[in-house]
């Protein structure tokens, strides 16, 4: 019992001078690189493909938008019948809703291109959507005019149907806004630095 060594304060094991370094979630991160040159050709393809969809949306609007019933009055000018003036608002809202829906679908479809995700494809989708909305605006009005032709010499008291019209060109912003919104929400929901490009 007396032969056992006694541990003194100086005989304790010394504390390590340097603690091991543990990785932190915010340190030593390499920022994701933007591959502009690699994504340029797919971006041009997205821009051209999305812009051609404006023809389909313009045709759909020209078929769905209601015409405006008017009556020719004594001085030869058309006067809208009661409650028919609401169709001017209907035409505009219908175009904006079609554009917004097409924009959301565009952004979601472009997001599915996993290996090309990033700002280059987002810019291409927004520019293509703006071009598609302008194209839908132009051809939609033209096709609507062809759907409701006017007689050459209407008489007083005749009831005519005027073609639908868009009284504000700002409606073209709905499509690119929907595309940017849906793509941005998907990017914000994604937790990867490179938006999951490596997993593609």
Protein backbone atom coordinates (compact mmCIF):
# COMPACT_ATOMS: atom_id res chain seq x y z
CA UNK A 1 0.00 0.00 0.00
CA UNK A 2 2.82 2.35 0.84
CA UNK A 3 4.76 1.29 -2.25
CA UNK A 4 2.20 2.70 -4.71
CA UNK A 5 3.25 5.92 -6.40
CA UNK A 6 1.33 9.04 -5.57
CA UNK A 7 0.20 11.32 -8.50
CA UNK A 8 1.03 14.87 -7.85
CA UNK A 9 -0.29 18.00 -9.63
CA UNK A 10 2.82 18.19 -11.83
CA UNK A 11 2.49 14.57 -12.93
CA UNK A 12 -0.82 15.13 -14.75
CA UNK A 13 -0.92 14.82 -18.53
CA UNK A 14 -0.33 18.19 -20.16
CA UNK A 15 -3.22 19.74 -22.06
CA UNK A 16 -2.83 19.90 -25.82
CA UNK A 17 -1.62 23.28 -26.95
CA UNK A 18 -3.57 23.25 -30.26
CA UNK A 19 -7.09 21.95 -30.63
CA UNK A 20 -8.03 20.01 -33.76
CA UNK A 21 -9.55 22.14 -36.49
CA UNK A 22 -13.13 21.23 -37.32
CA UNK A 23 -14.77 22.35 -40.54
CA UNK A 24 -17.32 25.12 -40.20
CA UNK A 25 -20.34 25.52 -42.44
CA UNK A 26 -19.33 29.04 -43.45
CA UNK A 27 -15.57 28.70 -43.78
CA UNK A 28 -13.34 27.28 -46.49
CA UNK A 29 -16.07 27.37 -49.12
CA UNK A 30 -15.07 27.62 -52.70
CA UNK A 31 -17.62 29.79 -54.53
CA UNK A 32 -19.38 28.15 -57.42
CA UNK A 33 -17.96 29.14 -60.77
CA UNK A 34 -20.05 30.62 -63.56
CA UNK A 35 -19.34 28.87 -66.84
CA UNK A 36 -20.37 31.50 -69.36
CA UNK A 37 -18.67 30.03 -72.40
CA UNK A 38 -19.89 26.50 -71.70
CA UNK A 39 -23.49 27.65 -71.14
CA UNK A 40 -23.64 30.08 -74.05
CA UNK A 41 -24.84 27.66 -76.73
CA UNK A 42 -27.60 26.12 -74.55
CA UNK A 43 -28.63 29.65 -73.56
CA UNK A 44 -29.03 30.67 -77.20
CA UNK A 45 -31.08 27.53 -77.81
CA UNK A 46 -33.31 28.36 -74.84
CA UNK A 47 -33.75 31.96 -76.01
CA UNK A 48 -34.79 30.96 -79.52
CA UNK A 49 -37.06 28.11 -78.42
CA UNK A 50 -38.87 30.18 -75.81
CA UNK A 51 -39.35 33.08 -78.20
CA UNK A 52 -41.12 30.82 -80.71
CA UNK A 53 -43.69 29.91 -78.06
CA UNK A 54 -45.03 33.44 -78.45
CA UNK A 55 -46.75 32.34 -81.65
CA UNK A 56 -48.76 29.72 -79.77
CA UNK A 57 -49.73 32.11 -76.97
CA UNK A 58 -50.69 34.82 -79.47
CA UNK A 59 -52.88 32.39 -81.39
CA UNK A 60 -54.50 31.13 -78.18
CA UNK A 61 -55.25 34.69 -77.05
CA UNK A 62 -56.76 35.62 -80.42
CA UNK A 63 -59.16 32.66 -80.11
CA UNK A 64 -60.10 33.13 -76.44
CA UNK A 65 -60.33 36.92 -76.19
CA UNK A 66 -63.92 38.19 -76.53
CA UNK A 67 -64.85 40.74 -79.16
CA UNK A 68 -66.55 44.05 -78.42
CA UNK A 69 -70.14 44.50 -79.58
CA UNK A 70 -70.77 48.02 -80.88
CA UNK A 71 -73.62 49.76 -82.66
CA UNK A 72 -73.21 52.31 -85.40
CA UNK A 73 -74.81 55.59 -84.29
CA UNK A 74 -76.08 58.49 -86.38
CA UNK A 75 -72.72 60.15 -86.96
CA UNK A 76 -71.27 56.87 -88.23
CA UNK A 77 -69.08 56.11 -85.21
CA UNK A 78 -69.31 52.85 -83.25
CA UNK A 79 -70.66 53.02 -79.70
CA UNK A 80 -70.18 50.13 -77.30
CA UNK A 81 -73.30 48.41 -76.07
CA UNK A 82 -74.03 48.30 -72.37
CA UNK A 83 -71.55 46.17 -70.36
CA UNK A 84 -69.60 45.38 -73.53
CA UNK A 85 -66.87 47.85 -72.57
CA UNK A 86 -65.79 45.39 -69.86
CA UNK A 87 -64.29 43.22 -72.58
CA UNK A 88 -61.48 45.73 -73.02
CA UNK A 89 -60.36 44.80 -69.51
CA UNK A 90 -61.01 41.10 -70.15
CA UNK A 91 -58.76 41.10 -73.21
CA UNK A 92 -55.88 42.67 -71.30
CA UNK A 93 -56.20 40.43 -68.25
CA UNK A 94 -56.49 37.31 -70.39
CA UNK A 95 -53.29 38.19 -72.21
CA UNK A 96 -51.48 38.83 -68.93
CA UNK A 97 -52.69 35.58 -67.36
CA UNK A 98 -51.65 33.58 -70.41
CA UNK A 99 -48.25 35.27 -70.32
CA UNK A 100 -47.83 34.69 -66.60
CA UNK A 101 -48.73 31.00 -66.91
CA UNK A 102 -46.38 30.61 -69.87
CA UNK A 103 -43.64 32.34 -67.86
CA UNK A 104 -44.03 30.03 -64.88
CA UNK A 105 -43.90 27.00 -67.18
CA UNK A 106 -40.87 28.45 -68.97
CA UNK A 107 -38.95 29.02 -65.74
CA UNK A 108 -39.78 25.53 -64.46
CA UNK A 109 -38.78 23.89 -67.74
CA UNK A 110 -35.48 25.77 -67.88
CA UNK A 111 -34.78 24.83 -64.25
CA UNK A 112 -35.00 21.15 -65.21
CA UNK A 113 -31.84 21.58 -67.32
CA UNK A 114 -29.76 20.66 -64.27
CA UNK A 115 -26.31 20.67 -65.86
CA UNK A 116 -26.79 24.23 -67.18
CA UNK A 117 -28.34 25.92 -64.16
CA UNK A 118 -27.10 29.39 -63.39
CA UNK A 119 -27.41 33.08 -64.27
CA UNK A 120 -26.59 32.58 -67.95
CA UNK A 121 -29.60 30.35 -68.51
CA UNK A 122 -31.79 32.61 -66.37
CA UNK A 123 -30.93 35.66 -68.49
CA UNK A 124 -31.60 33.66 -71.65
CA UNK A 125 -34.98 32.51 -70.34
CA UNK A 126 -36.02 36.05 -69.36
CA UNK A 127 -34.89 37.57 -72.67
CA UNK A 128 -36.57 34.77 -74.61
CA UNK A 129 -39.75 35.31 -72.60
CA UNK A 130 -39.72 39.04 -73.32
CA UNK A 131 -39.27 38.36 -77.03
CA UNK A 132 -42.02 35.73 -76.95
CA UNK A 133 -44.41 38.13 -75.21
CA UNK A 134 -43.73 40.84 -77.80
CA UNK A 135 -44.29 38.31 -80.59
CA UNK A 136 -47.54 37.13 -78.98
CA UNK A 137 -48.64 40.77 -78.68
CA UNK A 138 -48.04 41.47 -82.37
CA UNK A 139 -49.39 38.30 -83.95
CA UNK A 140 -52.27 38.00 -81.47
CA UNK A 141 -53.65 41.38 -82.50
CA UNK A 142 -53.21 40.53 -86.19
CA UNK A 143 -54.99 37.18 -85.88
CA UNK A 144 -57.76 38.78 -83.83
CA UNK A 145 -58.33 41.33 -86.60
CA UNK A 146 -58.67 38.48 -89.08
CA UNK A 147 -61.16 36.72 -86.83
CA UNK A 148 -63.52 39.72 -86.68
CA UNK A 149 -63.54 41.38 -90.12
CA UNK A 150 -65.50 44.63 -90.47
CA UNK A 151 -67.92 45.37 -93.33
CA UNK A 152 -66.83 48.02 -95.78
CA UNK A 153 -69.86 50.33 -95.34
CA UNK A 154 -71.86 49.69 -92.15
CA UNK A 155 -75.26 51.34 -91.91
CA UNK A 156 -76.62 53.29 -88.97
CA UNK A 157 -78.02 50.93 -86.35
CA UNK A 158 -75.91 47.94 -87.39
CA UNK A 159 -74.41 45.89 -84.56
CA UNK A 160 -70.82 44.89 -85.22
CA UNK A 161 -68.23 42.90 -83.34
CA UNK A 162 -64.90 44.65 -83.04
CA UNK A 163 -61.74 42.62 -82.68
CA UNK A 164 -60.23 42.33 -79.20
CA UNK A 165 -57.49 44.82 -78.47
CA UNK A 166 -54.74 45.38 -75.94
CA UNK A 167 -54.73 48.92 -74.65
CA UNK A 168 -51.50 48.62 -72.69
CA UNK A 169 -48.20 47.32 -74.00
CA UNK A 170 -47.05 46.74 -70.41
CA UNK A 171 -48.85 43.40 -70.56
CA UNK A 172 -45.78 41.91 -72.25
CA UNK A 173 -43.94 42.04 -68.90
CA UNK A 174 -46.05 39.24 -67.40
CA UNK A 175 -44.24 36.46 -69.27
CA UNK A 176 -40.63 37.39 -68.34
CA UNK A 177 -41.76 38.19 -64.81
CA UNK A 178 -43.29 34.73 -64.43
CA UNK A 179 -40.17 33.07 -65.83
CA UNK A 180 -37.84 34.98 -63.49
CA UNK A 181 -40.13 34.36 -60.53
CA UNK A 182 -40.42 30.60 -60.96
CA UNK A 183 -36.70 30.17 -61.71
CA UNK A 184 -35.77 32.38 -58.76
CA UNK A 185 -38.00 30.48 -56.35
CA UNK A 186 -36.49 27.18 -57.49
CA UNK A 187 -32.97 28.58 -57.07
CA UNK A 188 -33.77 29.93 -53.61
CA UNK A 189 -35.26 26.59 -52.58
CA UNK A 190 -32.15 24.74 -53.77
CA UNK A 191 -29.50 24.27 -51.10
CA UNK A 192 -26.41 23.69 -53.26
CA UNK A 193 -23.81 26.30 -54.04
CA UNK A 194 -23.77 25.28 -57.69
CA UNK A 195 -27.57 24.77 -57.82
CA UNK A 196 -27.01 21.03 -58.16
CA UNK A 197 -25.07 21.12 -61.43
CA UNK A 198 -22.63 18.45 -60.22
CA UNK A 199 -25.47 16.04 -59.58
CA UNK A 200 -26.72 16.22 -63.17
